[in-house]
Amino acid sequence: MLGMQTGVGSKYRERPLTEVYEDTATMQHWLAETLRVLAPPLHGPPPGAPQISPELQKQLDKAKQAGEQQP
């Protein structure tokens, strides 16, 4: 059986895995939290990535646009 914390404190109750898997919202939250480090979101830099100054980011965006416009 799987122990699942219920309420506040150290109270646990046993739940069969099939019951846990049926709770889609809980499973989605667990997967997102567990895999967040391994598969960061596609938008924005991954956690811990070096920060780029806004001015440098503008220059990078401008260079990217110029490169896209060339045949």
PDB file of N, CA and C in Angstrom:
ATOM      1  N   MET A   1       0.833  -1.194   0.000  1.00  0.00           N
ATOM      2  CA  MET A   1       0.000   0.000   0.000  1.00  0.00           C
ATOM      3  C   MET A   1       0.871   1.249   0.000  1.00  0.00           C
ATOM      4  N   LEU A   2       0.322   2.307  -0.482  1.00  0.00           N
ATOM      5  CA  LEU A   2       0.999   3.586  -0.531  1.00  0.00           C
ATOM      6  C   LEU A   2       0.493   4.448   0.615  1.00  0.00           C
ATOM      7  N   GLY A   3       1.419   5.083   1.344  1.00  0.00           N
ATOM      8  CA  GLY A   3       1.006   5.993   2.405  1.00  0.00           C
ATOM      9  C   GLY A   3       0.763   7.369   1.834  1.00  0.00           C
ATOM     10  N   MET A   4      -0.362   7.941   2.133  1.00  0.00           N
ATOM     11  CA  MET A   4      -0.714   9.257   1.603  1.00  0.00           C
ATOM     12  C   MET A   4      -1.031  10.161   2.779  1.00  0.00           C
ATOM     13  N   GLN A   5      -0.351  11.302   2.869  1.00  0.00           N
ATOM     14  CA  GLN A   5      -0.591  12.209   3.988  1.00  0.00           C
ATOM     15  C   GLN A   5      -1.946  12.877   3.815  1.00  0.00           C
ATOM     16  N   THR A   6      -2.692  12.900   4.889  1.00  0.00           N
ATOM     17  CA  THR A   6      -3.990  13.571   4.860  1.00  0.00           C
ATOM     18  C   THR A   6      -4.036  14.585   5.984  1.00  0.00           C
ATOM     19  N   GLY A   7      -4.535  15.755   5.694  1.00  0.00           N
ATOM     20  CA  GLY A   7      -4.669  16.784   6.701  1.00  0.00           C
ATOM     21  C   GLY A   7      -3.324  17.356   7.118  1.00  0.00           C
ATOM     22  N   VAL A   8      -3.323  17.989   8.278  1.00  0.00           N
ATOM     23  CA  VAL A   8      -2.116  18.615   8.802  1.00  0.00           C
ATOM     24  C   VAL A   8      -1.525  17.703   9.864  1.00  0.00           C
ATOM     25  N   GLY A   9      -0.230  17.665   9.927  1.00  0.00           N
ATOM     26  CA  GLY A   9       0.413  16.837  10.936  1.00  0.00           C
ATOM     27  C   GLY A   9       0.973  15.570  10.329  1.00  0.00           C
ATOM     28  N   SER A  10       1.033  14.536  11.121  1.00  0.00           N
ATOM     29  CA  SER A  10       1.669  13.292  10.678  1.00  0.00           C
ATOM     30  C   SER A  10       0.657  12.163  10.492  1.00  0.00           C
ATOM     31  N   LYS A  11      -0.576  12.468  10.183  1.00  0.00           N
ATOM     32  CA  LYS A  11      -1.594  11.443   9.986  1.00  0.00           C
ATOM     33  C   LYS A  11      -1.489  10.899   8.561  1.00  0.00           C
ATOM     34  N   TYR A  12      -1.438   9.592   8.427  1.00  0.00           N
ATOM     35  CA  TYR A  12      -1.365   8.940   7.126  1.00  0.00           C
ATOM     36  C   TYR A  12      -2.464   7.900   7.032  1.00  0.00           C
ATOM     37  N   ARG A  13      -2.898   7.648   5.816  1.00  0.00           N
ATOM     38  CA  ARG A  13      -3.824   6.541   5.590  1.00  0.00           C
ATOM     39  C   ARG A  13      -3.335   5.783   4.376  1.00  0.00           C
ATOM     40  N   GLU A  14      -3.561   4.497   4.332  1.00  0.00           N
ATOM     41  CA  GLU A  14      -3.124   3.680   3.216  1.00  0.00           C
ATOM     42  C   GLU A  14      -4.098   3.833   2.057  1.00  0.00           C
ATOM     43  N   ARG A  15      -3.531   3.955   0.857  1.00  0.00           N
ATOM     44  CA  ARG A  15      -4.349   4.052  -0.355  1.00  0.00           C
ATOM     45  C   ARG A  15      -3.770   3.115  -1.398  1.00  0.00           C
ATOM     46  N   PRO A  16      -4.594   2.330  -2.073  1.00  0.00           N
ATOM     47  CA  PRO A  16      -4.069   1.498  -3.155  1.00  0.00           C
ATOM     48  C   PRO A  16      -3.576   2.384  -4.302  1.00  0.00           C
ATOM     49  N   LEU A  17      -2.552   1.926  -5.013  1.00  0.00           N
ATOM     50  CA  LEU A  17      -2.004   2.711  -6.119  1.00  0.00           C
ATOM     51  C   LEU A  17      -3.065   3.041  -7.163  1.00  0.00           C
ATOM     52  N   THR A  18      -3.985   2.129  -7.405  1.00  0.00           N
ATOM     53  CA  THR A  18      -5.020   2.403  -8.410  1.00  0.00           C
ATOM     54  C   THR A  18      -5.842   3.630  -8.020  1.00  0.00           C
ATOM     55  N   GLU A  19      -6.087   3.809  -6.736  1.00  0.00           N
ATOM     56  CA  GLU A  19      -6.844   4.981  -6.276  1.00  0.00           C
ATOM     57  C   GLU A  19      -6.026   6.261  -6.485  1.00  0.00           C
ATOM     58  N   VAL A  20      -4.732   6.183  -6.211  1.00  0.00           N
ATOM     59  CA  VAL A  20      -3.864   7.350  -6.383  1.00  0.00           C
ATOM     60  C   VAL A  20      -3.780   7.721  -7.860  1.00  0.00           C
ATOM     61  N   TYR A  21      -3.605   6.716  -8.725  1.00  0.00           N
ATOM     62  CA  TYR A  21      -3.480   6.983 -10.161  1.00  0.00           C
ATOM     63  C   TYR A  21      -4.762   7.569 -10.748  1.00  0.00           C
ATOM     64  N   GLU A  22      -5.906   7.253 -10.171  1.00  0.00           N
ATOM     65  CA  GLU A  22      -7.173   7.786 -10.665  1.00  0.00           C
ATOM     66  C   GLU A  22      -7.311   9.280 -10.385  1.00  0.00           C
ATOM     67  N   ASP A  23      -6.579   9.791  -9.411  1.00  0.00           N
ATOM     68  CA  ASP A  23      -6.633  11.209  -9.055  1.00  0.00           C
ATOM     69  C   ASP A  23      -5.723  11.976 -10.011  1.00  0.00           C
ATOM     70  N   THR A  24      -6.245  12.319 -11.171  1.00  0.00           N
ATOM     71  CA  THR A  24      -5.459  12.926 -12.240  1.00  0.00           C
ATOM     72  C   THR A  24      -4.780  14.221 -11.807  1.00  0.00           C
ATOM     73  N   ALA A  25      -5.470  15.073 -11.087  1.00  0.00           N
ATOM     74  CA  ALA A  25      -4.887  16.349 -10.672  1.00  0.00           C
ATOM     75  C   ALA A  25      -3.676  16.127  -9.774  1.00  0.00           C
ATOM     76  N   THR A  26      -3.800  15.192  -8.841  1.00  0.00           N
ATOM     77  CA  THR A  26      -2.681  14.899  -7.950  1.00  0.00           C
ATOM     78  C   THR A  26      -1.506  14.329  -8.729  1.00  0.00           C
ATOM     79  N   MET A  27      -1.778  13.425  -9.650  1.00  0.00           N
ATOM     80  CA  MET A  27      -0.701  12.827 -10.444  1.00  0.00           C
ATOM     81  C   MET A  27      -0.024  13.873 -11.322  1.00  0.00           C
ATOM     82  N   GLN A  28      -0.788  14.764 -11.936  1.00  0.00           N
ATOM     83  CA  GLN A  28      -0.204  15.807 -12.777  1.00  0.00           C
ATOM     84  C   GLN A  28       0.689  16.723 -11.946  1.00  0.00           C
ATOM     85  N   HIS A  29       0.221  17.084 -10.760  1.00  0.00           N
ATOM     86  CA  HIS A  29       1.020  17.936  -9.874  1.00  0.00           C
ATOM     87  C   HIS A  29       2.300  17.214  -9.458  1.00  0.00           C
ATOM     88  N   TRP A  30       2.194  15.949  -9.094  1.00  0.00           N
ATOM     89  CA  TRP A  30       3.360  15.178  -8.683  1.00  0.00           C
ATOM     90  C   TRP A  30       4.366  15.065  -9.825  1.00  0.00           C
ATOM     91  N   LEU A  31       3.883  14.752 -11.026  1.00  0.00           N
ATOM     92  CA  LEU A  31       4.781  14.638 -12.179  1.00  0.00           C
ATOM     93  C   LEU A  31       5.457  15.964 -12.487  1.00  0.00           C
ATOM     94  N   ALA A  32       4.685  17.051 -12.458  1.00  0.00           N
ATOM     95  CA  ALA A  32       5.256  18.363 -12.755  1.00  0.00           C
ATOM     96  C   ALA A  32       6.350  18.723 -11.760  1.00  0.00           C
ATOM     97  N   GLU A  33       6.114  18.485 -10.480  1.00  0.00           N
ATOM     98  CA  GLU A  33       7.104  18.808  -9.457  1.00  0.00           C
ATOM     99  C   GLU A  33       8.306  17.878  -9.529  1.00  0.00           C
ATOM    100  N   THR A  34       8.061  16.606  -9.792  1.00  0.00           N
ATOM    101  CA  THR A  34       9.145  15.630  -9.824  1.00  0.00           C
ATOM    102  C   THR A  34      10.040  15.811 -11.039  1.00  0.00           C
ATOM    103  N   LEU A  35       9.455  16.089 -12.179  1.00  0.00           N
ATOM    104  CA  LEU A  35      10.215  16.163 -13.422  1.00  0.00           C
ATOM    105  C   LEU A  35      10.616  17.583 -13.816  1.00  0.00           C
ATOM    106  N   ARG A  36      10.243  18.555 -13.007  1.00  0.00           N
ATOM    107  CA  ARG A  36      10.501  19.961 -13.340  1.00  0.00           C
ATOM    108  C   ARG A  36      11.978  20.214 -13.626  1.00  0.00           C
ATOM    109  N   VAL A  37      12.857  19.627 -12.853  1.00  0.00           N
ATOM    110  CA  VAL A  37      14.285  19.853 -13.025  1.00  0.00           C
ATOM    111  C   VAL A  37      14.797  19.153 -14.286  1.00  0.00           C
ATOM    112  N   LEU A  38      14.242  17.976 -14.588  1.00  0.00           N
ATOM    113  CA  LEU A  38      14.706  17.219 -15.742  1.00  0.00           C
ATOM    114  C   LEU A  38      14.164  17.761 -17.052  1.00  0.00           C
ATOM    115  N   ALA A  39      12.963  18.325 -17.027  1.00  0.00           N
ATOM    116  CA  ALA A  39      12.324  18.826 -18.248  1.00  0.00           C
ATOM    117  C   ALA A  39      11.753  20.210 -17.970  1.00  0.00           C
ATOM    118  N   PRO A  40      12.610  21.241 -17.965  1.00  0.00           N
ATOM    119  CA  PRO A  40      12.107  22.585 -17.680  1.00  0.00           C
ATOM    120  C   PRO A  40      11.158  23.056 -18.774  1.00  0.00           C
ATOM    121  N   PRO A  41      10.305  24.017 -18.469  1.00  0.00           N
ATOM    122  CA  PRO A  41       9.371  24.539 -19.474  1.00  0.00           C
ATOM    123  C   PRO A  41      10.118  25.065 -20.700  1.00  0.00           C
ATOM    124  N   LEU A  42       9.476  25.009 -21.843  1.00  0.00           N
ATOM    125  CA  LEU A  42      10.100  25.467 -23.076  1.00  0.00           C
ATOM    126  C   LEU A  42      10.200  26.986 -23.147  1.00  0.00           C
ATOM    127  N   HIS A  43       9.342  27.678 -22.430  1.00  0.00           N
ATOM    128  CA  HIS A  43       9.394  29.136 -22.447  1.00  0.00           C
ATOM    129  C   HIS A  43      10.290  29.627 -21.318  1.00  0.00           C
ATOM    130  N   GLY A  44      11.130  30.555 -21.628  1.00  0.00           N
ATOM    131  CA  GLY A  44      12.018  31.129 -20.618  1.00  0.00           C
ATOM    132  C   GLY A  44      13.232  30.259 -20.359  1.00  0.00           C
ATOM    133  N   PRO A  45      14.216  30.829 -19.706  1.00  0.00           N
ATOM    134  CA  PRO A  45      15.441  30.081 -19.423  1.00  0.00           C
ATOM    135  C   PRO A  45      15.201  29.039 -18.337  1.00  0.00           C
ATOM    136  N   PRO A  46      15.962  27.958 -18.356  1.00  0.00           N
ATOM    137  CA  PRO A  46      15.813  26.956 -17.307  1.00  0.00           C
ATOM    138  C   PRO A  46      16.285  27.505 -15.970  1.00  0.00           C
ATOM    139  N   PRO A  47      15.804  26.933 -14.882  1.00  0.00           N
ATOM    140  CA  PRO A  47      16.240  27.408 -13.565  1.00  0.00           C
ATOM    141  C   PRO A  47      17.755  27.319 -13.438  1.00  0.00           C
ATOM    142  N   GLY A  48      18.356  28.365 -12.898  1.00  0.00           N
ATOM    143  CA  GLY A  48      19.800  28.386 -12.704  1.00  0.00           C
ATOM    144  C   GLY A  48      20.584  28.856 -13.918  1.00  0.00           C
ATOM    145  N   ALA A  49      19.886  29.179 -15.016  1.00  0.00           N
ATOM    146  CA  ALA A  49      20.587  29.648 -16.213  1.00  0.00           C
ATOM    147  C   ALA A  49      21.161  31.037 -15.952  1.00  0.00           C
ATOM    148  N   PRO A  50      22.290  31.354 -16.590  1.00  0.00           N
ATOM    149  CA  PRO A  50      22.859  32.691 -16.392  1.00  0.00           C
ATOM    150  C   PRO A  50      21.905  33.773 -16.883  1.00  0.00           C
ATOM    151  N   GLN A  51      21.904  34.888 -16.190  1.00  0.00           N
ATOM    152  CA  GLN A  51      21.036  36.001 -16.554  1.00  0.00           C
ATOM    153  C   GLN A  51      21.703  36.833 -17.655  1.00  0.00           C
ATOM    154  N   ILE A  52      20.901  37.307 -18.595  1.00  0.00           N
ATOM    155  CA  ILE A  52      21.383  38.167 -19.677  1.00  0.00           C
ATOM    156  C   ILE A  52      20.791  39.544 -19.450  1.00  0.00           C
ATOM    157  N   SER A  53      21.639  40.552 -19.595  1.00  0.00           N
ATOM    158  CA  SER A  53      21.149  41.914 -19.391  1.00  0.00           C
ATOM    159  C   SER A  53      20.117  42.247 -20.459  1.00  0.00           C
ATOM    160  N   PRO A  54      19.164  43.106 -20.145  1.00  0.00           N
ATOM    161  CA  PRO A  54      18.150  43.488 -21.137  1.00  0.00           C
ATOM    162  C   PRO A  54      18.768  44.080 -22.397  1.00  0.00           C
ATOM    163  N   GLU A  55      19.831  44.864 -22.255  1.00  0.00           N
ATOM    164  CA  GLU A  55      20.480  45.467 -23.434  1.00  0.00           C
ATOM    165  C   GLU A  55      21.089  44.391 -24.328  1.00  0.00           C
ATOM    166  N   LEU A  56      21.772  43.421 -23.737  1.00  0.00           N
ATOM    167  CA  LEU A  56      22.345  42.329 -24.525  1.00  0.00           C
ATOM    168  C   LEU A  56      21.240  41.515 -25.185  1.00  0.00           C
ATOM    169  N   GLN A  57      20.140  41.289 -24.478  1.00  0.00           N
ATOM    170  CA  GLN A  57      19.028  40.539 -25.064  1.00  0.00           C
ATOM    171  C   GLN A  57      18.458  41.273 -26.279  1.00  0.00           C
ATOM    172  N   LYS A  58      18.357  42.606 -26.205  1.00  0.00           N
ATOM    173  CA  LYS A  58      17.885  43.395 -27.349  1.00  0.00           C
ATOM    174  C   LYS A  58      18.811  43.213 -28.543  1.00  0.00           C
ATOM    175  N   GLN A  59      20.121  43.252 -28.283  1.00  0.00           N
ATOM    176  CA  GLN A  59      21.095  43.089 -29.364  1.00  0.00           C
ATOM    177  C   GLN A  59      20.995  41.692 -29.979  1.00  0.00           C
ATOM    178  N   LEU A  60      20.830  40.673 -29.144  1.00  0.00           N
ATOM    179  CA  LEU A  60      20.686  39.309 -29.646  1.00  0.00           C
ATOM    180  C   LEU A  60      19.425  39.156 -30.489  1.00  0.00           C
ATOM    181  N   ASP A  61      18.327  39.742 -30.020  1.00  0.00           N
ATOM    182  CA  ASP A  61      17.070  39.683 -30.778  1.00  0.00           C
ATOM    183  C   ASP A  61      17.203  40.391 -32.118  1.00  0.00           C
ATOM    184  N   LYS A  62      17.874  41.544 -32.113  1.00  0.00           N
ATOM    185  CA  LYS A  62      18.067  42.309 -33.352  1.00  0.00           C
ATOM    186  C   LYS A  62      18.910  41.511 -34.341  1.00  0.00           C
ATOM    187  N   ALA A  63      19.976  40.877 -33.867  1.00  0.00           N
ATOM    188  CA  ALA A  63      20.828  40.073 -34.740  1.00  0.00           C
ATOM    189  C   ALA A  63      20.066  38.861 -35.288  1.00  0.00           C
ATOM    190  N   LYS A  64      19.238  38.264 -34.452  1.00  0.00           N
ATOM    191  CA  LYS A  64      18.444  37.118 -34.899  1.00  0.00           C
ATOM    192  C   LYS A  64      17.467  37.533 -35.997  1.00  0.00           C
ATOM    193  N   GLN A  65      16.809  38.677 -35.816  1.00  0.00           N
ATOM    194  CA  GLN A  65      15.863  39.166 -36.820  1.00  0.00           C
ATOM    195  C   GLN A  65      16.599  39.489 -38.115  1.00  0.00           C
ATOM    196  N   ALA A  66      17.769  40.092 -38.023  1.00  0.00           N
ATOM    197  CA  ALA A  66      18.553  40.413 -39.233  1.00  0.00           C
ATOM    198  C   ALA A  66      18.940  39.143 -39.968  1.00  0.00           C
ATOM    199  N   GLY A  67      19.307  38.113 -39.226  1.00  0.00           N
ATOM    200  CA  GLY A  67      19.671  36.830 -39.850  1.00  0.00           C
ATOM    201  C   GLY A  67      18.494  36.142 -40.488  1.00  0.00           C
ATOM    202  N   GLU A  68      17.303  36.302 -39.941  1.00  0.00           N
ATOM    203  CA  GLU A  68      16.102  35.698 -40.506  1.00  0.00           C
ATOM    204  C   GLU A  68      15.659  36.407 -41.797  1.00  0.00           C
ATOM    205  N   GLN A  69      16.010  37.679 -41.919  1.00  0.00           N
ATOM    206  CA  GLN A  69      15.578  38.458 -43.082  1.00  0.00           C
ATOM    207  C   GLN A  69      16.477  38.224 -44.303  1.00  0.00           C
ATOM    208  N   GLN A  70      17.655  37.691 -44.105  1.00  0.00           N
ATOM    209  CA  GLN A  70      18.563  37.452 -45.230  1.00  0.00           C
ATOM    210  C   GLN A  70      18.099  36.216 -46.001  1.00  0.00           C
ATOM    211  N   PRO A  71      18.239  36.258 -47.363  1.00  0.00           N
ATOM    212  CA  PRO A  71      17.778  35.133 -48.188  1.00  0.00           C
ATOM    213  C   PRO A  71      18.607  33.891 -48.005  1.00  0.00           C
TER     214      PRO A  71
END
